[in-house]
């Protein structure tokens, strides 16, 4: 729904979220990143140096390469496709890579991969694309769940804190109950940020809303170093 071509007549209802997401990406990239790592859930644990996602399944003739200079390559899952789309909208011209996090992997497996990312010597910006709850109302894609609103509020609070350990403490089973598919990406990002050399962050939540009964949170973290 963030992509205007997909949202069509409802695009204006997502303007605030879309604009905030693009601004957040630009704000973080302005901090002197040498590359961008897009993080999102998928069906395997792997790194994409190239690849292309598609939104054809949503009725629009739109393919989104991770790197516009190198189209083609393996198919990207939806979360990474959206990350690539946001990078394109932000105007980022530099290096980028995508980390697909297996949604079914154990927490230990995710942490091992994320720890290696956190020890990367290049100054990296993480672009995390993760689904909040999809059960906030009867209009939501999943059945309405009484804990969905509170779950999204706790995610927003963790993102507002700037403390990776709070983000890492988001409960996987609780996320599943409210149809929030973002847990693998949040967990990977939290571990990577916690082990990074500069692990103190100024954080801000720019938007926390629930159009169509789906939780949307836009936040940015900037290293204090």
N, C-alpha and C. Protein backbone atom coordinates (compact mmCIF):
# COMPACT_ATOMS: atom_id res chain seq x y z
N UNK A 1 0.81 -1.21 0.00
CA UNK A 1 0.00 0.00 0.00
C UNK A 1 0.85 1.26 0.00
N UNK A 2 2.11 1.16 0.38
CA UNK A 2 2.97 2.35 0.35
C UNK A 2 3.29 2.78 -1.08
N UNK A 3 3.21 1.86 -2.02
CA UNK A 3 3.52 2.17 -3.41
C UNK A 3 2.27 2.76 -4.06
N UNK A 4 2.32 4.00 -4.52
CA UNK A 4 1.11 4.63 -5.06
C UNK A 4 0.44 3.84 -6.17
N UNK A 5 1.23 3.18 -7.03
CA UNK A 5 0.63 2.41 -8.12
C UNK A 5 -0.22 1.26 -7.60
N UNK A 6 0.16 0.70 -6.46
CA UNK A 6 -0.60 -0.39 -5.86
C UNK A 6 -1.80 0.15 -5.11
N UNK A 7 -1.60 1.20 -4.34
CA UNK A 7 -2.69 1.77 -3.53
C UNK A 7 -3.76 2.41 -4.38
N UNK A 8 -3.37 2.91 -5.56
CA UNK A 8 -4.30 3.51 -6.50
C UNK A 8 -5.11 4.63 -5.84
N UNK A 9 -6.44 4.52 -5.81
CA UNK A 9 -7.28 5.58 -5.27
C UNK A 9 -7.09 5.82 -3.80
N UNK A 10 -6.51 4.85 -3.07
CA UNK A 10 -6.29 5.01 -1.64
C UNK A 10 -4.90 5.54 -1.33
N UNK A 11 -4.12 5.89 -2.34
CA UNK A 11 -2.73 6.29 -2.13
C UNK A 11 -2.60 7.46 -1.17
N UNK A 12 -3.52 8.43 -1.27
CA UNK A 12 -3.42 9.62 -0.42
C UNK A 12 -3.54 9.28 1.06
N UNK A 13 -4.24 8.19 1.38
CA UNK A 13 -4.40 7.81 2.78
C UNK A 13 -3.10 7.33 3.40
N UNK A 14 -2.14 6.95 2.57
CA UNK A 14 -0.84 6.50 3.07
C UNK A 14 0.26 7.54 2.86
N UNK A 15 -0.12 8.75 2.46
CA UNK A 15 0.88 9.80 2.19
C UNK A 15 1.78 10.04 3.39
N UNK A 16 1.20 10.14 4.57
CA UNK A 16 1.98 10.45 5.76
C UNK A 16 3.02 9.37 6.04
N UNK A 17 2.59 8.12 5.96
CA UNK A 17 3.51 7.01 6.21
C UNK A 17 4.59 6.96 5.14
N UNK A 18 4.19 7.07 3.89
CA UNK A 18 5.13 7.00 2.77
C UNK A 18 6.17 8.11 2.87
N UNK A 19 5.71 9.33 3.07
CA UNK A 19 6.65 10.47 3.14
C UNK A 19 7.59 10.32 4.33
N UNK A 20 7.05 9.86 5.46
CA UNK A 20 7.89 9.70 6.65
C UNK A 20 8.95 8.63 6.43
N UNK A 21 8.58 7.55 5.74
CA UNK A 21 9.54 6.48 5.49
C UNK A 21 10.67 6.96 4.58
N UNK A 22 10.34 7.67 3.54
CA UNK A 22 11.37 8.17 2.63
C UNK A 22 12.26 9.18 3.35
N UNK A 23 11.65 10.06 4.14
CA UNK A 23 12.44 11.05 4.89
C UNK A 23 13.36 10.37 5.90
N UNK A 24 12.87 9.31 6.55
CA UNK A 24 13.70 8.59 7.53
C UNK A 24 14.91 7.97 6.86
N UNK A 25 14.71 7.39 5.68
CA UNK A 25 15.84 6.81 4.94
C UNK A 25 16.86 7.90 4.61
N UNK A 26 16.40 9.01 4.12
CA UNK A 26 17.31 10.09 3.76
C UNK A 26 18.04 10.64 4.97
N UNK A 27 17.34 10.72 6.09
CA UNK A 27 17.94 11.26 7.32
C UNK A 27 19.10 10.36 7.78
N UNK A 28 18.89 9.07 7.75
CA UNK A 28 19.94 8.14 8.18
C UNK A 28 21.09 8.13 7.19
N UNK A 29 20.79 8.17 5.90
CA UNK A 29 21.85 8.14 4.89
C UNK A 29 22.72 9.40 4.94
N UNK A 30 22.16 10.47 5.44
CA UNK A 30 22.93 11.70 5.55
C UNK A 30 24.02 11.62 6.60
N UNK A 31 24.04 10.56 7.40
CA UNK A 31 25.02 10.40 8.46
C UNK A 31 26.36 9.87 8.01
N UNK A 32 26.54 9.70 6.71
CA UNK A 32 27.85 9.27 6.21
C UNK A 32 28.00 7.79 5.99
N UNK A 33 26.91 7.13 5.64
CA UNK A 33 26.96 5.69 5.38
C UNK A 33 27.82 5.38 4.16
N UNK A 34 28.54 4.26 4.25
CA UNK A 34 29.30 3.79 3.10
C UNK A 34 28.52 2.79 2.28
N UNK A 35 27.53 2.17 2.89
CA UNK A 35 26.65 1.25 2.17
C UNK A 35 25.34 1.12 2.94
N UNK A 36 24.34 0.56 2.28
CA UNK A 36 23.05 0.30 2.91
C UNK A 36 22.82 -1.20 2.94
N UNK A 37 22.37 -1.69 4.09
CA UNK A 37 21.96 -3.10 4.22
C UNK A 37 20.45 -3.10 4.43
N UNK A 38 19.73 -3.61 3.45
CA UNK A 38 18.28 -3.76 3.58
C UNK A 38 18.00 -5.08 4.29
N UNK A 39 17.20 -5.07 5.34
CA UNK A 39 16.90 -6.27 6.11
C UNK A 39 15.39 -6.54 6.07
N UNK A 40 15.03 -7.75 5.72
CA UNK A 40 13.62 -8.12 5.69
C UNK A 40 13.44 -9.62 5.77
N UNK A 41 12.27 -10.04 6.21
CA UNK A 41 11.99 -11.47 6.34
C UNK A 41 11.74 -12.10 4.98
N UNK A 42 12.09 -13.38 4.88
CA UNK A 42 11.87 -14.14 3.66
C UNK A 42 11.80 -15.62 3.97
N UNK A 43 12.17 -16.43 3.00
CA UNK A 43 12.06 -17.88 3.15
C UNK A 43 13.39 -18.57 3.34
N UNK A 44 14.49 -17.81 3.38
CA UNK A 44 15.83 -18.39 3.54
C UNK A 44 16.72 -17.38 4.23
N UNK A 45 17.86 -17.87 4.72
CA UNK A 45 18.85 -16.99 5.33
C UNK A 45 19.95 -16.79 4.30
N UNK A 46 19.95 -15.60 3.67
CA UNK A 46 20.92 -15.37 2.61
C UNK A 46 21.11 -13.88 2.37
N UNK A 47 22.25 -13.58 1.77
CA UNK A 47 22.57 -12.21 1.41
C UNK A 47 22.43 -12.04 -0.09
N UNK A 48 21.81 -10.94 -0.50
CA UNK A 48 21.62 -10.64 -1.91
C UNK A 48 22.53 -9.47 -2.30
N UNK A 49 23.46 -9.72 -3.19
CA UNK A 49 24.27 -8.63 -3.75
C UNK A 49 23.51 -7.95 -4.88
N UNK A 50 22.59 -8.68 -5.48
CA UNK A 50 21.73 -8.16 -6.54
C UNK A 50 20.41 -8.90 -6.46
N UNK A 51 19.49 -8.53 -7.30
CA UNK A 51 18.19 -9.18 -7.29
C UNK A 51 17.10 -8.19 -7.64
N UNK A 52 15.94 -8.72 -7.97
CA UNK A 52 14.82 -7.88 -8.37
C UNK A 52 13.54 -8.42 -7.75
N UNK A 53 12.78 -7.52 -7.16
CA UNK A 53 11.47 -7.88 -6.65
C UNK A 53 10.40 -7.43 -7.62
N UNK A 54 9.22 -7.94 -7.44
CA UNK A 54 8.12 -7.56 -8.33
C UNK A 54 6.85 -7.30 -7.54
N UNK A 55 6.05 -6.39 -8.07
CA UNK A 55 4.74 -6.11 -7.49
C UNK A 55 3.63 -6.50 -8.46
N UNK A 56 3.98 -7.36 -9.42
CA UNK A 56 3.00 -7.79 -10.41
C UNK A 56 1.86 -8.56 -9.76
N UNK A 57 2.14 -9.23 -8.66
CA UNK A 57 1.10 -9.96 -7.96
C UNK A 57 0.03 -9.07 -7.36
N UNK A 58 0.31 -7.77 -7.29
CA UNK A 58 -0.65 -6.80 -6.77
C UNK A 58 -1.34 -6.03 -7.89
N UNK A 59 -1.18 -6.52 -9.12
CA UNK A 59 -1.91 -5.94 -10.24
C UNK A 59 -1.25 -4.77 -10.93
N UNK A 60 0.06 -4.55 -10.66
CA UNK A 60 0.76 -3.45 -11.33
C UNK A 60 2.00 -4.00 -12.03
N UNK A 61 2.31 -3.41 -13.15
CA UNK A 61 3.46 -3.84 -13.94
C UNK A 61 4.70 -3.11 -13.43
N UNK A 62 5.19 -3.57 -12.28
CA UNK A 62 6.31 -2.88 -11.64
C UNK A 62 7.29 -3.89 -11.05
N UNK A 63 8.53 -3.85 -11.56
CA UNK A 63 9.63 -4.63 -11.00
C UNK A 63 10.60 -3.67 -10.33
N UNK A 64 11.19 -4.09 -9.22
CA UNK A 64 12.04 -3.21 -8.42
C UNK A 64 13.40 -3.89 -8.20
N UNK A 65 14.45 -3.45 -8.90
CA UNK A 65 15.77 -4.04 -8.66
C UNK A 65 16.40 -3.50 -7.39
N UNK A 66 17.16 -4.35 -6.72
CA UNK A 66 17.90 -3.88 -5.55
C UNK A 66 18.85 -2.76 -5.95
N UNK A 67 19.53 -2.97 -7.07
CA UNK A 67 20.46 -1.97 -7.61
C UNK A 67 20.03 -1.64 -9.02
N UNK A 68 19.52 -0.43 -9.27
CA UNK A 68 19.07 -0.07 -10.62
C UNK A 68 20.16 -0.23 -11.67
N UNK A 69 21.42 -0.16 -11.25
CA UNK A 69 22.52 -0.32 -12.20
C UNK A 69 22.74 -1.78 -12.58
N UNK A 70 22.16 -2.71 -11.82
CA UNK A 70 22.33 -4.15 -12.08
C UNK A 70 20.98 -4.86 -11.96
N UNK A 71 20.05 -4.61 -12.87
CA UNK A 71 18.75 -5.26 -12.79
C UNK A 71 18.86 -6.76 -13.05
N UNK A 72 17.80 -7.46 -12.74
CA UNK A 72 17.82 -8.91 -12.89
C UNK A 72 18.28 -9.57 -11.61
N UNK A 73 18.77 -10.80 -11.73
CA UNK A 73 19.23 -11.53 -10.55
C UNK A 73 18.09 -12.28 -9.90
N UNK A 74 18.36 -12.87 -8.73
CA UNK A 74 17.34 -13.68 -8.05
C UNK A 74 16.15 -12.84 -7.59
N UNK A 75 15.03 -13.51 -7.42
CA UNK A 75 13.82 -12.83 -6.95
C UNK A 75 13.97 -12.42 -5.50
N UNK A 76 13.54 -11.21 -5.18
CA UNK A 76 13.58 -10.71 -3.81
C UNK A 76 12.22 -10.92 -3.15
N UNK A 77 12.20 -11.25 -1.86
CA UNK A 77 10.92 -11.31 -1.14
C UNK A 77 10.34 -9.90 -1.00
N UNK A 78 9.08 -9.84 -0.61
CA UNK A 78 8.37 -8.56 -0.60
C UNK A 78 9.04 -7.52 0.29
N UNK A 79 9.49 -7.90 1.47
CA UNK A 79 10.10 -6.92 2.38
C UNK A 79 11.33 -6.27 1.74
N UNK A 80 12.16 -7.07 1.09
CA UNK A 80 13.34 -6.52 0.44
C UNK A 80 12.98 -5.72 -0.80
N UNK A 81 11.90 -6.13 -1.46
CA UNK A 81 11.41 -5.34 -2.60
C UNK A 81 11.02 -3.95 -2.15
N UNK A 82 10.31 -3.87 -1.02
CA UNK A 82 9.92 -2.56 -0.50
C UNK A 82 11.13 -1.75 -0.06
N UNK A 83 12.14 -2.41 0.51
CA UNK A 83 13.36 -1.70 0.88
C UNK A 83 14.05 -1.13 -0.33
N UNK A 84 14.11 -1.92 -1.41
CA UNK A 84 14.72 -1.44 -2.65
C UNK A 84 13.93 -0.26 -3.21
N UNK A 85 12.60 -0.34 -3.10
CA UNK A 85 11.76 0.76 -3.59
C UNK A 85 12.03 2.03 -2.79
N UNK A 86 12.13 1.92 -1.48
CA UNK A 86 12.42 3.09 -0.64
C UNK A 86 13.80 3.67 -0.95
N UNK A 87 14.77 2.79 -1.19
CA UNK A 87 16.10 3.30 -1.55
C UNK A 87 16.04 4.08 -2.85
N UNK A 88 15.27 3.56 -3.81
CA UNK A 88 15.13 4.28 -5.07
C UNK A 88 14.49 5.64 -4.88
N UNK A 89 13.47 5.70 -4.03
CA UNK A 89 12.81 6.99 -3.77
C UNK A 89 13.72 7.95 -3.01
N UNK A 90 14.64 7.42 -2.23
CA UNK A 90 15.52 8.29 -1.44
C UNK A 90 16.65 8.88 -2.27
N UNK A 91 16.89 8.28 -3.43
CA UNK A 91 17.96 8.78 -4.29
C UNK A 91 19.34 8.28 -3.91
N UNK A 92 19.43 7.22 -3.11
CA UNK A 92 20.73 6.69 -2.70
C UNK A 92 21.50 6.16 -3.92
N UNK A 93 22.72 6.68 -4.16
CA UNK A 93 23.48 6.24 -5.33
C UNK A 93 24.55 5.19 -5.02
N UNK A 94 24.73 4.85 -3.75
CA UNK A 94 25.89 4.06 -3.35
C UNK A 94 25.66 2.57 -3.25
N UNK A 95 26.61 1.91 -2.58
CA UNK A 95 26.58 0.46 -2.43
C UNK A 95 25.38 0.03 -1.59
N UNK A 96 24.85 -1.12 -1.95
CA UNK A 96 23.75 -1.69 -1.17
C UNK A 96 23.77 -3.20 -1.27
N UNK A 97 23.27 -3.84 -0.21
CA UNK A 97 23.16 -5.28 -0.13
C UNK A 97 21.89 -5.57 0.66
N UNK A 98 21.32 -6.74 0.47
CA UNK A 98 20.09 -7.08 1.18
C UNK A 98 20.29 -8.37 1.96
N UNK A 99 19.83 -8.36 3.20
CA UNK A 99 19.87 -9.54 4.06
C UNK A 99 18.47 -10.09 4.20
N UNK A 100 18.25 -11.27 3.61
CA UNK A 100 16.98 -11.96 3.76
C UNK A 100 17.07 -12.84 5.01
N UNK A 101 16.15 -12.65 5.91
CA UNK A 101 16.15 -13.38 7.18
C UNK A 101 15.06 -14.44 7.14
N UNK A 102 15.44 -15.68 7.28
CA UNK A 102 14.50 -16.79 7.23
C UNK A 102 13.48 -16.65 8.36
N UNK A 103 12.22 -16.52 8.00
CA UNK A 103 11.18 -16.32 9.00
C UNK A 103 11.04 -17.50 9.94
N UNK A 104 11.50 -18.67 9.51
CA UNK A 104 11.38 -19.87 10.34
C UNK A 104 12.67 -20.24 11.07
N UNK A 105 13.71 -19.44 10.89
CA UNK A 105 15.00 -19.75 11.53
C UNK A 105 14.90 -19.53 13.04
N UNK A 106 15.75 -20.23 13.76
CA UNK A 106 15.79 -20.07 15.21
C UNK A 106 16.38 -18.71 15.56
N UNK A 107 16.08 -18.26 16.77
CA UNK A 107 16.65 -17.00 17.24
C UNK A 107 18.17 -17.05 17.24
N UNK A 108 18.73 -18.21 17.57
CA UNK A 108 20.19 -18.35 17.61
C UNK A 108 20.80 -18.21 16.22
N UNK A 109 20.14 -18.79 15.22
CA UNK A 109 20.64 -18.68 13.84
C UNK A 109 20.59 -17.24 13.36
N UNK A 110 19.48 -16.58 13.64
CA UNK A 110 19.35 -15.17 13.25
C UNK A 110 20.42 -14.33 13.95
N UNK A 111 20.62 -14.59 15.24
CA UNK A 111 21.60 -13.82 16.01
C UNK A 111 23.02 -14.01 15.49
N UNK A 112 23.34 -15.23 15.05
CA UNK A 112 24.69 -15.49 14.55
C UNK A 112 24.96 -14.68 13.28
N UNK A 113 23.99 -14.65 12.38
CA UNK A 113 24.15 -13.88 11.14
C UNK A 113 24.19 -12.39 11.46
N UNK A 114 23.33 -11.94 12.35
CA UNK A 114 23.27 -10.52 12.70
C UNK A 114 24.53 -10.07 13.43
N UNK A 115 25.12 -10.93 14.24
CA UNK A 115 26.35 -10.58 14.94
C UNK A 115 27.48 -10.31 13.95
N UNK A 116 27.55 -11.16 12.93
CA UNK A 116 28.56 -10.94 11.89
C UNK A 116 28.33 -9.60 11.19
N UNK A 117 27.07 -9.27 10.95
CA UNK A 117 26.75 -7.98 10.34
C UNK A 117 27.16 -6.83 11.24
N UNK A 118 26.93 -6.96 12.53
CA UNK A 118 27.28 -5.92 13.48
C UNK A 118 28.77 -5.65 13.57
N UNK A 119 29.58 -6.66 13.24
CA UNK A 119 31.03 -6.50 13.29
C UNK A 119 31.62 -6.02 11.96
N UNK A 120 30.76 -5.74 11.00
CA UNK A 120 31.22 -5.23 9.71
C UNK A 120 31.98 -3.93 9.91
N UNK A 121 33.11 -3.78 9.26
CA UNK A 121 33.96 -2.61 9.48
C UNK A 121 33.49 -1.39 8.70
N UNK A 122 32.79 -1.60 7.61
CA UNK A 122 32.29 -0.44 6.87
C UNK A 122 31.14 0.22 7.62
N UNK A 123 31.03 1.51 7.49
CA UNK A 123 29.94 2.24 8.12
C UNK A 123 28.66 1.98 7.33
N UNK A 124 27.75 1.24 7.93
CA UNK A 124 26.55 0.80 7.23
C UNK A 124 25.30 1.42 7.81
N UNK A 125 24.36 1.71 6.93
CA UNK A 125 23.01 2.10 7.35
C UNK A 125 22.11 0.89 7.16
N UNK A 126 21.31 0.57 8.17
CA UNK A 126 20.37 -0.54 8.08
C UNK A 126 18.98 -0.01 7.73
N UNK A 127 18.42 -0.54 6.68
CA UNK A 127 17.05 -0.20 6.28
C UNK A 127 16.20 -1.43 6.57
N UNK A 128 15.44 -1.37 7.65
CA UNK A 128 14.70 -2.53 8.13
C UNK A 128 13.23 -2.39 7.71
N UNK A 129 12.76 -3.36 6.95
CA UNK A 129 11.37 -3.36 6.50
C UNK A 129 10.68 -4.54 7.17
N UNK A 130 9.74 -4.25 8.06
CA UNK A 130 9.16 -5.30 8.89
C UNK A 130 7.68 -5.02 9.13
N UNK A 131 6.86 -6.06 9.02
CA UNK A 131 5.42 -5.91 9.19
C UNK A 131 5.03 -5.82 10.66
N UNK A 132 4.23 -4.81 10.97
CA UNK A 132 3.58 -4.76 12.27
C UNK A 132 2.37 -5.69 12.26
N UNK A 133 1.49 -5.53 13.21
CA UNK A 133 0.33 -6.42 13.30
C UNK A 133 -0.60 -6.20 12.10
N UNK A 134 -1.28 -7.26 11.73
CA UNK A 134 -2.28 -7.17 10.66
C UNK A 134 -3.64 -7.58 11.21
N UNK A 135 -3.89 -7.15 12.46
CA UNK A 135 -5.10 -7.61 13.15
C UNK A 135 -5.68 -6.54 14.06
N UNK A 136 -5.58 -5.28 13.63
CA UNK A 136 -6.00 -4.19 14.50
C UNK A 136 -7.51 -3.92 14.47
N UNK A 137 -8.19 -4.37 13.41
CA UNK A 137 -9.62 -4.10 13.29
C UNK A 137 -10.25 -5.13 12.38
N UNK A 138 -11.55 -5.02 12.21
CA UNK A 138 -12.26 -5.94 11.32
C UNK A 138 -11.88 -5.70 9.86
N UNK A 139 -11.28 -4.55 9.56
CA UNK A 139 -10.86 -4.26 8.19
C UNK A 139 -9.49 -4.84 7.89
N UNK A 140 -8.81 -5.36 8.89
CA UNK A 140 -7.45 -5.85 8.74
C UNK A 140 -7.41 -7.14 7.93
N UNK A 141 -6.26 -7.45 7.33
CA UNK A 141 -6.12 -8.70 6.56
C UNK A 141 -6.34 -9.95 7.40
N UNK A 142 -5.91 -9.92 8.66
CA UNK A 142 -6.10 -11.07 9.55
C UNK A 142 -7.29 -10.80 10.48
N UNK A 143 -7.73 -11.82 11.15
CA UNK A 143 -8.83 -11.65 12.10
C UNK A 143 -8.41 -10.69 13.21
N UNK A 144 -9.34 -9.84 13.62
CA UNK A 144 -9.04 -8.87 14.68
C UNK A 144 -8.58 -9.59 15.95
N UNK A 145 -7.51 -9.05 16.56
CA UNK A 145 -6.96 -9.67 17.77
C UNK A 145 -6.90 -8.61 18.87
N UNK A 146 -7.33 -8.93 20.07
CA UNK A 146 -7.38 -7.92 21.14
C UNK A 146 -6.02 -7.38 21.57
N UNK A 147 -4.94 -8.10 21.27
CA UNK A 147 -3.61 -7.66 21.69
C UNK A 147 -2.86 -6.88 20.61
N UNK A 148 -3.46 -6.77 19.42
CA UNK A 148 -2.73 -6.20 18.29
C UNK A 148 -2.30 -4.75 18.55
N UNK A 149 -3.22 -3.93 19.05
CA UNK A 149 -2.90 -2.52 19.28
C UNK A 149 -1.80 -2.38 20.33
N UNK A 150 -1.89 -3.16 21.41
CA UNK A 150 -0.88 -3.09 22.47
C UNK A 150 0.47 -3.59 21.95
N UNK A 151 0.45 -4.62 21.12
CA UNK A 151 1.69 -5.12 20.54
C UNK A 151 2.37 -4.03 19.72
N UNK A 152 1.62 -3.38 18.84
CA UNK A 152 2.20 -2.32 18.02
C UNK A 152 2.72 -1.17 18.87
N UNK A 153 2.02 -0.87 19.96
CA UNK A 153 2.48 0.19 20.86
C UNK A 153 3.81 -0.19 21.50
N UNK A 154 3.98 -1.46 21.85
CA UNK A 154 5.23 -1.91 22.45
C UNK A 154 6.38 -1.87 21.42
N UNK A 155 6.07 -2.21 20.17
CA UNK A 155 7.09 -2.09 19.11
C UNK A 155 7.49 -0.64 18.94
N UNK A 156 6.51 0.25 18.91
CA UNK A 156 6.81 1.67 18.75
C UNK A 156 7.64 2.19 19.92
N UNK A 157 7.33 1.73 21.13
CA UNK A 157 8.10 2.16 22.30
C UNK A 157 9.55 1.67 22.22
N UNK A 158 9.73 0.44 21.77
CA UNK A 158 11.09 -0.09 21.61
C UNK A 158 11.86 0.71 20.56
N UNK A 159 11.19 1.05 19.47
CA UNK A 159 11.85 1.83 18.42
C UNK A 159 12.14 3.26 18.89
N UNK A 160 11.27 3.80 19.72
CA UNK A 160 11.49 5.16 20.22
C UNK A 160 12.61 5.22 21.24
N UNK A 161 12.93 4.08 21.87
CA UNK A 161 13.92 4.08 22.95
C UNK A 161 15.35 4.24 22.47
N UNK A 162 15.64 3.73 21.28
CA UNK A 162 17.02 3.73 20.81
C UNK A 162 17.88 2.67 21.46
N UNK A 163 17.26 1.75 22.21
CA UNK A 163 18.01 0.69 22.89
C UNK A 163 17.81 -0.63 22.16
N UNK A 164 18.86 -1.19 21.55
CA UNK A 164 18.69 -2.44 20.80
C UNK A 164 18.13 -3.58 21.63
N UNK A 165 18.47 -3.66 22.94
CA UNK A 165 18.00 -4.79 23.72
C UNK A 165 16.49 -4.78 23.87
N UNK A 166 15.88 -3.59 23.89
CA UNK A 166 14.42 -3.53 23.97
C UNK A 166 13.78 -4.02 22.68
N UNK A 167 14.39 -3.70 21.56
CA UNK A 167 13.89 -4.19 20.29
C UNK A 167 14.05 -5.71 20.20
N UNK A 168 15.17 -6.21 20.73
CA UNK A 168 15.42 -7.66 20.72
C UNK A 168 14.46 -8.42 21.62
N UNK A 169 13.87 -7.75 22.60
CA UNK A 169 12.98 -8.41 23.54
C UNK A 169 11.54 -8.58 23.02
N UNK A 170 11.25 -8.06 21.85
CA UNK A 170 9.92 -8.27 21.28
C UNK A 170 9.68 -9.77 21.14
N UNK A 171 8.55 -10.23 21.62
CA UNK A 171 8.29 -11.67 21.72
C UNK A 171 7.82 -12.24 20.38
N UNK A 172 8.50 -13.30 19.96
CA UNK A 172 8.20 -13.92 18.66
C UNK A 172 6.80 -14.53 18.64
N UNK A 173 6.43 -15.26 19.68
CA UNK A 173 5.12 -15.91 19.70
C UNK A 173 3.99 -14.87 19.74
N UNK A 174 4.22 -13.82 20.48
CA UNK A 174 3.21 -12.75 20.54
C UNK A 174 3.05 -12.10 19.16
N UNK A 175 4.16 -11.89 18.47
CA UNK A 175 4.10 -11.33 17.12
C UNK A 175 3.28 -12.23 16.21
N UNK A 176 3.49 -13.53 16.31
CA UNK A 176 2.74 -14.47 15.47
C UNK A 176 1.25 -14.41 15.76
N UNK A 177 0.90 -14.24 17.02
CA UNK A 177 -0.52 -14.23 17.39
C UNK A 177 -1.26 -13.05 16.78
N UNK A 178 -0.57 -11.93 16.60
CA UNK A 178 -1.23 -10.74 16.04
C UNK A 178 -0.89 -10.56 14.56
N UNK A 179 -0.35 -11.61 13.95
CA UNK A 179 -0.03 -11.61 12.51
C UNK A 179 0.96 -10.51 12.15
N UNK A 180 1.98 -10.35 12.99
CA UNK A 180 3.07 -9.40 12.71
C UNK A 180 4.26 -10.19 12.21
N UNK A 181 4.54 -10.06 10.92
CA UNK A 181 5.60 -10.87 10.30
C UNK A 181 6.98 -10.22 10.39
N UNK A 182 7.07 -9.11 11.11
CA UNK A 182 8.34 -8.38 11.14
C UNK A 182 9.36 -8.85 12.14
N UNK A 183 8.99 -9.80 13.02
CA UNK A 183 9.90 -10.19 14.09
C UNK A 183 11.29 -10.59 13.61
N UNK A 184 11.47 -11.43 12.59
CA UNK A 184 12.83 -11.83 12.19
C UNK A 184 13.71 -10.65 11.83
N UNK A 185 13.15 -9.67 11.12
CA UNK A 185 13.94 -8.50 10.71
C UNK A 185 14.27 -7.62 11.91
N UNK A 186 13.30 -7.40 12.80
CA UNK A 186 13.58 -6.60 14.00
C UNK A 186 14.67 -7.25 14.84
N UNK A 187 14.57 -8.57 14.99
CA UNK A 187 15.54 -9.26 15.84
C UNK A 187 16.94 -9.18 15.24
N UNK A 188 17.04 -9.40 13.95
CA UNK A 188 18.35 -9.32 13.29
C UNK A 188 18.94 -7.92 13.44
N UNK A 189 18.13 -6.90 13.22
CA UNK A 189 18.62 -5.53 13.34
C UNK A 189 19.05 -5.22 14.76
N UNK A 190 18.26 -5.67 15.74
CA UNK A 190 18.58 -5.38 17.14
C UNK A 190 19.91 -5.99 17.53
N UNK A 191 20.15 -7.23 17.14
CA UNK A 191 21.42 -7.89 17.48
C UNK A 191 22.58 -7.19 16.79
N UNK A 192 22.42 -6.87 15.51
CA UNK A 192 23.49 -6.19 14.77
C UNK A 192 23.82 -4.84 15.39
N UNK A 193 22.81 -4.10 15.77
CA UNK A 193 23.04 -2.77 16.36
C UNK A 193 23.66 -2.87 17.75
N UNK A 194 23.31 -3.92 18.48
CA UNK A 194 23.84 -4.07 19.84
C UNK A 194 25.33 -4.37 19.84
N UNK A 195 25.80 -5.09 18.83
CA UNK A 195 27.21 -5.48 18.81
C UNK A 195 28.07 -4.52 17.99
N UNK A 196 27.45 -3.56 17.34
CA UNK A 196 28.21 -2.60 16.55
C UNK A 196 29.12 -1.79 17.46
N UNK A 197 30.21 -1.29 16.87
CA UNK A 197 31.18 -0.54 17.65
C UNK A 197 30.56 0.70 18.28
N UNK A 198 29.69 1.37 17.53
CA UNK A 198 29.00 2.56 18.04
C UNK A 198 27.56 2.19 18.30
N UNK A 199 27.26 1.77 19.53
CA UNK A 199 25.94 1.20 19.81
C UNK A 199 25.05 2.10 20.65
N UNK A 200 25.28 3.40 20.59
CA UNK A 200 24.40 4.37 21.25
C UNK A 200 23.69 5.17 20.16
N UNK A 201 22.37 5.27 20.25
CA UNK A 201 21.60 5.83 19.15
C UNK A 201 20.59 6.88 19.63
N UNK A 202 20.44 7.92 18.83
CA UNK A 202 19.34 8.85 19.00
C UNK A 202 18.20 8.33 18.13
N UNK A 203 17.04 8.12 18.73
CA UNK A 203 15.93 7.48 18.03
C UNK A 203 14.70 8.38 18.05
N UNK A 204 13.90 8.25 17.01
CA UNK A 204 12.64 9.00 16.95
C UNK A 204 11.64 8.20 16.14
N UNK A 205 10.41 8.14 16.65
CA UNK A 205 9.30 7.57 15.90
C UNK A 205 8.61 8.71 15.17
N UNK A 206 8.52 8.59 13.86
CA UNK A 206 7.93 9.65 13.04
C UNK A 206 6.44 9.44 12.80
N UNK A 207 6.03 8.19 12.69
CA UNK A 207 4.62 7.86 12.47
C UNK A 207 4.33 6.54 13.18
N UNK A 208 3.18 6.48 13.84
CA UNK A 208 2.66 5.23 14.38
C UNK A 208 1.16 5.26 14.17
N UNK A 209 0.69 4.50 13.20
CA UNK A 209 -0.72 4.55 12.85
C UNK A 209 -1.18 3.17 12.39
N UNK A 210 -2.48 3.06 12.10
CA UNK A 210 -3.01 1.75 11.71
C UNK A 210 -4.07 1.89 10.62
N UNK A 211 -3.69 2.38 9.45
CA UNK A 211 -4.66 2.42 8.35
C UNK A 211 -5.05 1.00 7.95
N UNK A 212 -6.34 0.82 7.70
CA UNK A 212 -6.86 -0.49 7.28
C UNK A 212 -6.60 -1.58 8.33
N UNK A 213 -6.42 -1.19 9.59
CA UNK A 213 -6.23 -2.16 10.64
C UNK A 213 -4.87 -2.81 10.68
N UNK A 214 -3.90 -2.21 9.99
CA UNK A 214 -2.53 -2.74 9.93
C UNK A 214 -1.59 -1.76 10.61
N UNK A 215 -0.72 -2.26 11.48
CA UNK A 215 0.18 -1.39 12.22
C UNK A 215 1.35 -0.91 11.37
N UNK A 216 1.50 0.40 11.26
CA UNK A 216 2.63 1.01 10.57
C UNK A 216 3.42 1.85 11.56
N UNK A 217 4.72 1.64 11.65
CA UNK A 217 5.59 2.47 12.46
C UNK A 217 6.80 2.87 11.61
N UNK A 218 7.07 4.15 11.58
CA UNK A 218 8.26 4.65 10.89
C UNK A 218 9.17 5.29 11.94
N UNK A 219 10.39 4.79 12.03
CA UNK A 219 11.34 5.31 13.02
C UNK A 219 12.73 5.37 12.40
N UNK A 220 13.56 6.22 12.95
CA UNK A 220 14.96 6.24 12.52
C UNK A 220 15.87 6.31 13.73
N UNK A 221 16.99 5.62 13.64
CA UNK A 221 18.04 5.62 14.65
C UNK A 221 19.30 6.14 14.02
N UNK A 222 19.94 7.09 14.69
CA UNK A 222 21.20 7.67 14.20
C UNK A 222 22.26 7.50 15.28
N UNK A 223 23.40 6.96 14.89
CA UNK A 223 24.49 6.74 15.84
C UNK A 223 24.94 8.06 16.44
N UNK A 224 25.25 8.05 17.73
CA UNK A 224 25.74 9.26 18.40
C UNK A 224 27.24 9.49 18.16
N UNK A 225 27.90 8.51 17.57
CA UNK A 225 29.35 8.63 17.35
C UNK A 225 29.66 9.65 16.27
